[in-house]
Amino acid sequence: MTEGENPGRPREITVDDVLAAFGEVNAPVATGAELATQLNTSRQTVLRRLNELHENERVERKEVGARAIVWWPSDRK
């Protein structure tokens, strides 16, 4: 273990980690659960980052059911 690492706490997932995870999903859109699986973290953590990305117009979202939302990287820069 290197200095500064905390063995009891998982690595913080960043918005860049979430954006990179879209590349691992074999579909044009992804759910929070799919991205959480790719990142080996909780769905809640991924949803926080996705909402942050959405506020900054880096991802788009669409509700596709009563409780289902799909996400995809934005074309806007």
Protein backbone atom coordinates (compact mmCIF):
# COMPACT_ATOMS: atom_id res chain seq x y z
CA MET A 1 0.00 0.00 0.00
CA THR A 2 1.34 3.44 -0.89
CA GLU A 3 1.30 6.47 1.34
CA GLY A 4 -2.06 8.21 1.36
CA GLU A 5 -4.11 5.14 0.44
CA ASN A 6 -6.93 4.16 2.73
CA PRO A 7 -7.50 0.38 2.60
CA GLY A 8 -10.97 0.67 4.15
CA ARG A 9 -12.26 3.14 1.60
CA PRO A 10 -12.72 2.46 -2.13
CA ARG A 11 -11.20 4.74 -4.75
CA GLU A 12 -13.33 7.78 -5.54
CA ILE A 13 -15.05 7.51 -8.93
CA THR A 14 -14.62 10.64 -11.05
CA VAL A 15 -16.71 12.05 -13.87
CA ASP A 16 -13.89 11.06 -16.23
CA ASP A 17 -14.14 7.46 -14.99
CA VAL A 18 -17.86 7.48 -15.80
CA LEU A 19 -17.27 8.93 -19.27
CA ALA A 20 -14.63 6.28 -19.96
CA ALA A 21 -17.03 3.52 -18.84
CA PHE A 22 -19.39 4.40 -21.71
CA GLY A 23 -16.72 3.00 -24.03
CA GLU A 24 -16.96 -0.39 -22.31
CA VAL A 25 -20.73 -0.71 -22.84
CA ASN A 26 -21.60 -2.32 -26.17
CA ALA A 27 -24.57 -0.04 -26.84
CA PRO A 28 -25.19 3.60 -27.80
CA VAL A 29 -26.78 4.25 -24.37
CA ALA A 30 -26.22 2.91 -20.86
CA THR A 31 -28.07 2.73 -17.58
CA GLY A 32 -26.60 3.76 -14.26
CA ALA A 33 -26.58 0.11 -13.22
CA GLU A 34 -24.55 -0.91 -16.30
CA LEU A 35 -21.99 1.82 -15.68
CA ALA A 36 -21.80 0.92 -11.98
CA THR A 37 -21.01 -2.67 -12.94
CA GLN A 38 -18.26 -1.50 -15.31
CA LEU A 39 -16.76 0.67 -12.57
CA ASN A 40 -17.28 -1.84 -9.74
CA THR A 41 -19.04 0.78 -7.62
CA SER A 42 -22.52 1.57 -6.39
CA ARG A 43 -25.32 2.73 -8.65
CA GLN A 44 -25.81 5.75 -6.37
CA THR A 45 -22.20 6.85 -6.88
CA VAL A 46 -22.54 6.59 -10.65
CA LEU A 47 -25.86 8.45 -10.63
CA ARG A 48 -24.29 11.33 -8.68
CA ARG A 49 -21.53 11.60 -11.29
CA LEU A 50 -24.01 11.26 -14.18
CA ASN A 51 -26.13 14.08 -12.76
CA GLU A 52 -23.01 16.23 -12.42
CA LEU A 53 -22.10 15.46 -16.04
CA HIS A 54 -25.66 16.25 -17.14
CA GLU A 55 -25.60 19.62 -15.37
CA ASN A 56 -22.40 20.41 -17.30
CA GLU A 57 -23.96 19.19 -20.59
CA ARG A 58 -21.41 16.39 -20.98
CA VAL A 59 -24.04 13.62 -21.05
CA GLU A 60 -27.65 13.42 -22.21
CA ARG A 61 -30.44 11.44 -20.59
CA LYS A 62 -33.85 10.07 -21.47
CA GLU A 63 -36.52 8.50 -19.30
CA VAL A 64 -37.60 5.29 -21.02
CA GLY A 65 -40.02 3.96 -18.45
CA ALA A 66 -41.59 4.70 -15.12
CA ARG A 67 -38.22 4.38 -13.37
CA ALA A 68 -35.71 3.74 -16.15
CA ILE A 69 -33.26 6.32 -17.47
CA VAL A 70 -30.67 5.83 -20.19
CA TRP A 71 -27.60 8.03 -20.56
CA TRP A 72 -25.14 8.76 -23.37
CA PRO A 73 -22.19 11.11 -23.91
CA SER A 74 -23.17 14.48 -25.33
CA ASP A 75 -22.01 15.73 -28.72
CA ARG A 76 -21.75 19.24 -27.25
CA LYS A 77 -18.39 20.51 -26.11
